[in-house]
Each structure stands twice: as C-alpha cells, then as structure tokens.
Amino acid sequence: MNPLQLPLHQFQSFIFVLIRVTAILMALPAFGSKTVPPVVKVGLSMLLTILIFPTLQVAPLPIFSETISLIPAVLGEIAIGLLIGYMVQLIFAGIQVAGQMTGYQMGFGIVNVLDPQSNSQLSIIALFQNLLAMLLFLALNVHHIVIRAMAQSFRYIQSGAGHYPPALVEQLIGATGELFVVAIKIGAPMMAVLLFTNIGMGMIAKTVPQMNVFIVAFPLQIGVGLIMLGLSLPTMVHILQDLFGSLEADIGRLLYLIAS
C-alpha cells in the first residue's frame, strides 16, 4: 500500500492512524527509549500503520481545511496513544519503586546508575529488576498485546471521537495506586528480611558494645539482600506474568471508557 496514492480523505485517516500508533510506541518502555534511533521509531511506526490501516473500517472524516480545527483531533489521537502506553509504563514504574526501596535498605542509596530507558538515575537493584522485567515483556510476547490494542483502539474509538468521562479518571487513579501495591509485592520479601537483619544487628550492638557493628552490618546487608534477591526472583516473575496477563483486559476497559 502506497499512502501517497490514497484519496485525500483516506490519506487523512491514514495520518490519524499514524499519529496514534506513533504515540503508543513513544510511550512504551522498550520502543520509546531514547537509546532507540529516531529513524527506527519512525520506520516502525510507519510499518505498523501500513499493516494495520487496510484491516480497519475507518469512517471517512470531514476534510480539515483549517489548522485550528485540526489541532484538537491530533491532540486527541496523541492522548489516546499516551494513555495506552501509560498503562504499560505503570507496571515498570512499580518495579522501579520496589528496586529503589530495597536498594536503599541494602545500603545502595547513593549507588545510582544511569537508566538508558528513562535517562534517569536508578539504584543498581532497580535497574536490574527493570531490565529483567523488560526481558519478560519481550519473552512473553506482551508487545503483541500492545499491537493488538493498537488495532482494537480504532474499532472502539474512531479518529477524533474520543471522550474522557470521570470514570476514566477514576480508573487511571486506581491503576496508579496499584503501582505501589506492585512495588510492595515485589519488594516485600527482601525488605522484611533486611528489616530483621537490622533488628538483629541492633540487638548485637547492645549486647556486644565492643563490636563495630557498622563495619559488620554493611557487607552483611548487601550479602543478605543479594541472596534474597535471587530467592525472590521466581516470585517476581510470577507477579509480572499475572500483571502482563491482565494488561489486555485493563487496556480494553480503558478503551471502552474513552469510547463511551
């Protein structure tokens, strides 16, 4: 399909599809990374649009003759794409929060590294868990769910026909609150063991004041934290599988609310 050979109204619909697909890709944790070259992002967006557009039954749009009337429709397409990507980003944000909390308890509060995905400073534990989640995201074909959501979004919501009712805001707030629940589920085993380790070292400091607890506690916390990190990986993988498995239903509810 050559987009340049389409009639004007179909070419306009193609551009709207391209805008929404591009917004979704830009909001995804893997494909929207700053480390991915812009040429790859543009090429992937164009390829997905060319593949999706012929399968859609898009209602013809009125031809926009003025730029002012075109801006709200374009912003609406960008908003829909960003909201779909936001639902995916919440999972990874919860993982980062869990890694930050456990890393702080292990003594890695000031040992931060640059995350190439978000271009922000993260603790070593948070970066490790984030990369592991990224591998699971690709290994479990969760990106296929996102691609299906792209196509389904045009069946639910025609271009320029999105609505944003209060129920949508409630769902977004609830989904954002789940971020901290995910963080606690993933980080709870490590945080609990490290807490008991700190309590034990405090009791030793009281009973054996001659011992330099600070010298002993620091490597002990790191060792216990790393051991618990390895033991808790199966639990983390199981939690992520459940979250990725429910992602399609969550995006479906989001699209239903925007379409209503």
Protein backbone atom coordinates (compact mmCIF):
# COMPACT_ATOMS: atom_id res chain seq x y z
CA MET A 1 0.00 0.00 0.00
CA ASN A 2 1.34 3.40 -1.02
CA PRO A 3 -0.09 6.10 1.29
CA LEU A 4 0.69 8.81 -1.27
CA GLN A 5 -1.71 7.22 -3.76
CA LEU A 6 -4.69 7.27 -1.40
CA PRO A 7 -7.59 9.68 -1.88
CA LEU A 8 -7.48 12.78 0.29
CA HIS A 9 -9.99 11.59 2.90
CA GLN A 10 -8.27 8.19 3.21
CA PHE A 11 -4.84 9.81 3.39
CA GLN A 12 -6.12 11.99 6.21
CA SER A 13 -7.39 8.90 8.05
CA PHE A 14 -4.01 7.25 7.46
CA ILE A 15 -2.25 10.20 9.09
CA PHE A 16 -4.52 9.98 12.15
CA VAL A 17 -3.77 6.25 12.47
CA LEU A 18 -0.06 7.01 12.16
CA ILE A 19 -0.26 9.65 14.90
CA ARG A 20 -1.98 7.28 17.35
CA VAL A 21 0.39 4.39 16.59
CA THR A 22 3.41 6.66 17.00
CA ALA A 23 2.12 7.98 20.34
CA ILE A 24 1.67 4.42 21.63
CA LEU A 25 5.18 3.42 20.58
CA MET A 26 6.71 6.54 22.12
CA ALA A 27 5.06 5.71 25.46
CA LEU A 28 6.22 2.08 25.58
CA PRO A 29 9.19 1.27 27.82
CA ALA A 30 11.21 -0.64 25.20
CA PHE A 31 10.40 1.02 21.88
CA GLY A 32 10.10 4.54 23.25
CA SER A 33 13.56 4.55 24.81
CA LYS A 34 15.89 7.40 23.97
CA THR A 35 18.52 4.84 23.01
CA VAL A 36 16.42 3.73 20.03
CA PRO A 37 17.34 5.83 16.96
CA PRO A 38 14.56 8.14 15.71
CA VAL A 39 14.82 6.56 12.25
CA VAL A 40 13.93 3.17 13.74
CA LYS A 41 10.98 4.66 15.64
CA VAL A 42 9.60 6.41 12.56
CA GLY A 43 10.14 3.35 10.38
CA LEU A 44 8.44 1.02 12.88
CA SER A 45 5.51 3.41 13.29
CA MET A 46 5.07 3.66 9.53
CA LEU A 47 5.34 -0.12 9.09
CA LEU A 48 2.72 -0.86 11.76
CA THR A 49 0.41 1.79 10.33
CA ILE A 50 0.70 0.33 6.82
CA LEU A 51 -0.10 -3.13 8.23
CA ILE A 52 -3.00 -2.00 10.43
CA PHE A 53 -4.70 0.55 8.20
CA PRO A 54 -6.02 -1.85 5.47
CA THR A 55 -7.70 -4.00 8.15
CA LEU A 56 -9.63 -1.08 9.61
CA GLN A 57 -13.07 0.09 8.65
CA VAL A 58 -12.43 3.72 9.39
CA ALA A 59 -15.33 6.06 8.86
CA PRO A 60 -14.48 8.91 6.46
CA LEU A 61 -13.56 12.07 8.32
CA PRO A 62 -14.51 15.57 7.31
CA ILE A 63 -11.61 17.18 5.47
CA PHE A 64 -9.98 19.75 7.72
CA SER A 65 -9.37 22.90 5.74
CA GLU A 66 -8.00 24.93 8.68
CA THR A 67 -5.16 24.12 11.03
CA ILE A 68 -7.08 25.28 14.11
CA SER A 69 -9.80 22.68 13.58
CA LEU A 70 -7.15 20.00 13.05
CA ILE A 71 -5.28 20.58 16.33
CA PRO A 72 -7.94 19.16 18.74
CA ALA A 73 -8.27 15.98 16.66
CA VAL A 74 -4.50 15.48 16.58
CA LEU A 75 -4.19 16.09 20.33
CA GLY A 76 -6.98 13.58 20.93
CA GLU A 77 -5.12 10.90 18.96
CA ILE A 78 -1.93 11.62 20.89
CA ALA A 79 -3.81 11.43 24.21
CA ILE A 80 -5.31 8.03 23.36
CA GLY A 81 -1.90 6.67 22.41
CA LEU A 82 -0.23 8.03 25.53
CA LEU A 83 -2.95 6.58 27.78
CA ILE A 84 -2.45 3.11 26.31
CA GLY A 85 1.30 3.41 26.81
CA TYR A 86 0.74 4.73 30.33
CA MET A 87 -0.99 1.50 31.35
CA VAL A 88 2.14 -0.41 30.32
CA GLN A 89 4.51 2.06 31.95
CA LEU A 90 2.76 1.69 35.32
CA ILE A 91 4.00 -1.91 35.64
CA PHE A 92 7.60 -0.89 35.07
CA ALA A 93 7.21 2.09 37.40
CA GLY A 94 6.10 -0.27 40.19
CA ILE A 95 9.17 -2.42 39.60
CA GLN A 96 11.43 0.62 39.79
CA VAL A 97 9.84 1.74 43.07
CA ALA A 98 10.38 -1.75 44.54
CA GLY A 99 14.01 -1.72 43.44
CA GLN A 100 14.58 1.75 44.87
CA MET A 101 13.17 0.74 48.27
CA THR A 102 15.12 -2.50 48.54
CA GLY A 103 18.29 -0.90 47.21
CA TYR A 104 18.07 1.81 49.87
CA GLN A 105 17.71 -0.79 52.63
CA MET A 106 20.70 -2.73 51.29
CA GLY A 107 22.86 0.38 51.55
CA PHE A 108 22.79 1.33 47.89
CA GLY A 109 21.04 4.63 48.49
CA ILE A 110 23.82 6.64 46.86
CA VAL A 111 24.98 3.95 44.40
CA ASN A 112 22.96 5.05 41.40
CA VAL A 113 23.49 4.33 37.72
CA LEU A 114 22.00 5.89 34.61
CA ASP A 115 19.00 4.05 33.23
CA PRO A 116 19.19 4.23 29.42
CA GLN A 117 15.44 3.63 29.12
CA SER A 118 14.23 6.62 31.11
CA ASN A 119 17.50 8.61 31.18
CA SER A 120 17.21 8.90 34.97
CA GLN A 121 19.27 7.79 37.96
CA LEU A 122 18.23 4.43 39.46
CA SER A 123 19.75 2.19 42.09
CA ILE A 124 21.55 -0.93 40.88
CA ILE A 125 18.77 -3.20 42.17
CA ALA A 126 16.05 -1.13 40.48
CA LEU A 127 17.95 -1.18 37.19
CA PHE A 128 18.44 -4.96 37.39
CA GLN A 129 14.77 -5.61 38.10
CA ASN A 130 13.73 -3.18 35.37
CA LEU A 131 15.91 -4.94 32.79
CA LEU A 132 14.57 -8.32 33.92
CA ALA A 133 11.01 -7.06 33.51
CA MET A 134 11.92 -5.78 30.04
CA LEU A 135 13.21 -9.22 29.04
CA LEU A 136 9.99 -10.82 30.33
CA PHE A 137 7.96 -8.20 28.44
CA LEU A 138 9.55 -9.35 25.18
CA ALA A 139 9.86 -13.07 26.02
CA LEU A 140 6.18 -13.38 26.95
CA ASN A 141 5.17 -11.54 23.73
CA VAL A 142 3.45 -8.80 25.69
CA HIS A 143 4.32 -6.44 22.84
CA HIS A 144 1.88 -8.49 20.74
CA ILE A 145 -0.84 -7.49 23.20
CA VAL A 146 0.05 -3.85 22.67
CA ILE A 147 -0.06 -4.25 18.88
CA ARG A 148 -3.50 -5.86 19.16
CA ALA A 149 -4.57 -2.96 21.38
CA MET A 150 -3.49 -0.57 18.62
CA ALA A 151 -5.82 -2.24 16.13
CA GLN A 152 -8.66 -2.61 18.65
CA SER A 153 -8.43 1.04 19.64
CA PHE A 154 -9.58 2.07 16.16
CA ARG A 155 -12.54 -0.32 16.35
CA TYR A 156 -13.57 1.12 19.72
CA ILE A 157 -12.69 4.74 19.03
CA GLN A 158 -12.87 6.35 15.61
CA SER A 159 -10.34 9.08 14.90
CA GLY A 160 -11.29 12.31 16.63
CA ALA A 161 -14.16 10.65 18.55
CA GLY A 162 -12.62 10.10 21.97
CA HIS A 163 -14.30 11.10 25.22
CA TYR A 164 -12.80 11.43 28.68
CA PRO A 165 -15.53 10.82 31.29
CA PRO A 166 -14.95 10.96 35.07
CA ALA A 167 -14.94 7.14 35.18
CA LEU A 168 -11.78 7.20 33.06
CA VAL A 169 -10.05 9.45 35.59
CA GLU A 170 -11.10 7.08 38.38
CA GLN A 171 -9.62 4.11 36.53
CA LEU A 172 -6.35 5.94 35.94
CA ILE A 173 -6.13 6.93 39.62
CA GLY A 174 -6.86 3.34 40.66
CA ALA A 175 -4.27 1.97 38.23
CA THR A 176 -1.71 4.45 39.54
CA GLY A 177 -2.47 3.36 43.10
CA GLU A 178 -1.83 -0.26 42.08
CA LEU A 179 1.73 0.84 41.27
CA PHE A 180 2.56 0.90 44.98
CA VAL A 181 0.81 -2.44 45.55
CA VAL A 182 3.01 -3.99 42.87
CA ALA A 183 6.09 -2.40 44.47
CA ILE A 184 5.23 -3.86 47.88
CA LYS A 185 4.51 -7.33 46.45
CA ILE A 186 7.85 -7.46 44.65
CA GLY A 187 9.97 -5.85 47.36
CA ALA A 188 8.27 -7.32 50.47
CA PRO A 189 10.48 -10.46 50.84
CA MET A 190 13.73 -8.51 50.62
CA MET A 191 12.53 -5.64 52.80
CA ALA A 192 11.25 -7.98 55.51
CA VAL A 193 14.49 -9.98 55.72
CA LEU A 194 16.62 -6.82 55.69
CA LEU A 195 14.45 -5.33 58.44
CA PHE A 196 15.02 -8.38 60.65
CA THR A 197 18.72 -8.21 59.81
CA ASN A 198 18.86 -4.61 61.01
CA ILE A 199 16.98 -5.55 64.19
CA GLY A 200 19.43 -8.38 64.83
CA MET A 201 22.42 -6.12 64.31
CA GLY A 202 20.87 -3.60 66.70
CA MET A 203 20.49 -6.28 69.38
CA ILE A 204 24.11 -7.35 68.85
CA ALA A 205 25.25 -3.73 69.19
CA LYS A 206 23.52 -3.54 72.57
CA THR A 207 24.77 -6.86 73.89
CA VAL A 208 28.31 -6.67 72.46
CA PRO A 209 29.25 -2.96 72.52
CA GLN A 210 32.89 -3.76 71.73
CA MET A 211 31.95 -4.91 68.22
CA ASN A 212 31.99 -2.32 65.45
CA VAL A 213 28.53 -3.06 64.11
CA PHE A 214 28.76 -0.59 61.24
CA ILE A 215 31.70 -2.44 59.68
CA VAL A 216 29.91 -5.80 60.01
CA ALA A 217 26.41 -4.65 59.09
CA PHE A 218 27.20 -3.08 55.73
CA PRO A 219 28.58 -6.18 53.94
CA LEU A 220 26.07 -8.36 55.78
CA GLN A 221 23.15 -6.31 54.47
CA ILE A 222 24.49 -6.49 50.93
CA GLY A 223 25.05 -10.24 51.14
CA VAL A 224 21.62 -10.95 52.66
CA GLY A 225 19.97 -8.62 50.16
CA LEU A 226 21.61 -10.31 47.17
CA ILE A 227 20.69 -13.77 48.47
CA MET A 228 17.08 -12.72 48.96
CA LEU A 229 17.06 -11.08 45.55
CA GLY A 230 17.98 -14.40 43.98
CA LEU A 231 15.44 -16.32 46.07
CA SER A 232 12.65 -13.85 45.30
CA LEU A 233 13.16 -13.85 41.52
CA PRO A 234 10.62 -16.69 40.90
CA THR A 235 8.02 -14.74 42.90
CA MET A 236 8.79 -11.59 40.93
CA VAL A 237 8.45 -13.47 37.63
CA HIS A 238 5.11 -14.92 38.74
CA ILE A 239 3.80 -11.48 39.73
CA LEU A 240 4.91 -9.98 36.41
CA GLN A 241 3.25 -12.81 34.48
CA ASP A 242 -0.04 -12.05 36.23
CA LEU A 243 0.33 -8.30 35.56
CA PHE A 244 1.19 -8.78 31.90
CA GLY A 245 -1.64 -11.31 31.57
CA SER A 246 -4.22 -8.80 32.84
CA LEU A 247 -2.81 -5.95 30.74
CA GLU A 248 -5.03 -6.66 27.74
CA ALA A 249 -8.19 -6.52 29.88
CA ASP A 250 -7.02 -3.29 31.53
CA ILE A 251 -6.39 -1.64 28.17
CA GLY A 252 -9.76 -2.92 26.95
CA ARG A 253 -11.54 -1.23 29.86
CA LEU A 254 -9.60 1.95 29.16
CA LEU A 255 -10.67 1.97 25.51
CA TYR A 256 -14.28 1.23 26.47
CA LEU A 257 -14.38 4.24 28.80
CA ILE A 258 -12.85 6.54 26.17
CA ALA A 259 -15.34 5.30 23.57
CA SER A 260 -18.38 5.69 25.85
